[in-house]
Amino acid sequence: LFTVRTKERDRLQKYLSDNEIQTVIHYPVPAHKQAAYEEWNTLSLPITEQIHTEIISLPIWPGMTKKDTIHISDIINSFV
């Protein structure tokens, strides 16, 4: 995973999609709010909860070329 944080996650994700760059939100629900940790569901962990609204996973794979990396970086750097 290559995960970054931004307060503009939804807007960045749409921008990247509009530029044919796929992204994923791997962890949309904080661990302490998941069913597997039901005993923690009532906890308030504000920083964890904020992070989960801001993280987005950028493309990365073993066959990724330098050209791919530069293209994705250029698109992200032009995000305003």
Protein backbone atom coordinates (compact mmCIF):
# COMPACT_ATOMS: atom_id res chain seq x y z
CA LEU A 1 0.00 0.00 0.00
CA PHE A 2 1.05 3.56 -0.66
CA THR A 3 -1.26 5.56 1.58
CA VAL A 4 -1.38 9.33 1.94
CA ARG A 5 -3.47 11.68 4.07
CA THR A 6 -5.41 14.67 2.86
CA LYS A 7 -8.33 16.64 4.21
CA GLU A 8 -9.50 16.76 0.57
CA ARG A 9 -9.69 12.96 0.18
CA ASP A 10 -13.01 12.76 -1.66
CA ARG A 11 -12.12 15.59 -3.99
CA LEU A 12 -8.66 14.12 -4.65
CA GLN A 13 -10.12 10.68 -5.29
CA LYS A 14 -12.57 12.10 -7.84
CA TYR A 15 -9.82 14.19 -9.46
CA LEU A 16 -7.59 11.14 -9.81
CA SER A 17 -10.46 9.05 -11.15
CA ASP A 18 -11.24 11.79 -13.69
CA ASN A 19 -7.58 11.46 -14.75
CA GLU A 20 -7.89 7.65 -15.03
CA ILE A 21 -5.90 6.92 -11.87
CA GLN A 22 -7.53 4.37 -9.61
CA THR A 23 -7.35 4.74 -5.86
CA VAL A 24 -8.73 2.73 -2.96
CA ILE A 25 -9.80 3.52 0.57
CA HIS A 26 -8.52 0.37 2.25
CA TYR A 27 -9.59 1.18 5.79
CA PRO A 28 -12.82 3.22 5.68
CA VAL A 29 -13.84 2.16 9.20
CA PRO A 30 -11.52 2.60 12.19
CA ALA A 31 -10.60 -0.70 13.84
CA HIS A 32 -12.32 0.23 17.11
CA LYS A 33 -15.61 0.72 15.22
CA GLN A 34 -15.58 -2.65 13.44
CA ALA A 35 -17.80 -5.55 14.46
CA ALA A 36 -14.77 -7.69 15.34
CA TYR A 37 -13.97 -5.24 18.14
CA GLU A 38 -17.52 -4.74 19.37
CA GLU A 39 -16.35 -4.17 22.94
CA TRP A 40 -14.49 -1.05 21.72
CA ASN A 41 -17.29 0.35 19.52
CA THR A 42 -18.31 2.92 22.11
CA LEU A 43 -14.80 4.35 22.45
CA SER A 44 -14.07 7.79 21.09
CA LEU A 45 -10.64 7.97 19.47
CA PRO A 46 -10.78 11.32 17.64
CA ILE A 47 -7.38 11.18 15.95
CA THR A 48 -7.95 7.65 14.67
CA GLU A 49 -11.42 8.62 13.45
CA GLN A 50 -10.05 11.71 11.68
CA ILE A 51 -7.30 9.73 9.97
CA HIS A 52 -9.88 7.30 8.61
CA THR A 53 -11.65 10.16 6.83
CA GLU A 54 -8.40 11.40 5.29
CA ILE A 55 -6.43 8.38 4.04
CA ILE A 56 -6.37 7.20 0.46
CA SER A 57 -4.23 4.50 -1.15
CA LEU A 58 -2.46 5.48 -4.33
CA PRO A 59 -1.53 3.04 -7.09
CA ILE A 60 1.53 0.89 -6.52
CA TRP A 61 2.35 -2.51 -7.96
CA PRO A 62 5.45 -4.57 -8.74
CA GLY A 63 5.36 -3.80 -12.48
CA MET A 64 4.98 -0.05 -12.00
CA THR A 65 7.39 1.82 -14.23
CA LYS A 66 9.24 5.06 -13.61
CA LYS A 67 7.02 6.58 -16.32
CA ASP A 68 3.89 5.48 -14.37
CA THR A 69 5.28 7.00 -11.18
CA ILE A 70 6.10 10.30 -12.86
CA HIS A 71 2.67 10.46 -14.51
CA ILE A 72 0.83 9.84 -11.23
CA SER A 73 3.08 12.30 -9.39
CA ASP A 74 2.50 14.97 -12.02
CA ILE A 75 -1.28 14.54 -11.80
CA ILE A 76 -1.22 14.71 -8.00
CA ASN A 77 1.08 17.74 -8.02
CA SER A 78 -1.35 19.55 -10.32
CA PHE A 79 -4.23 18.98 -7.88
CA VAL A 80 -5.40 22.32 -6.56
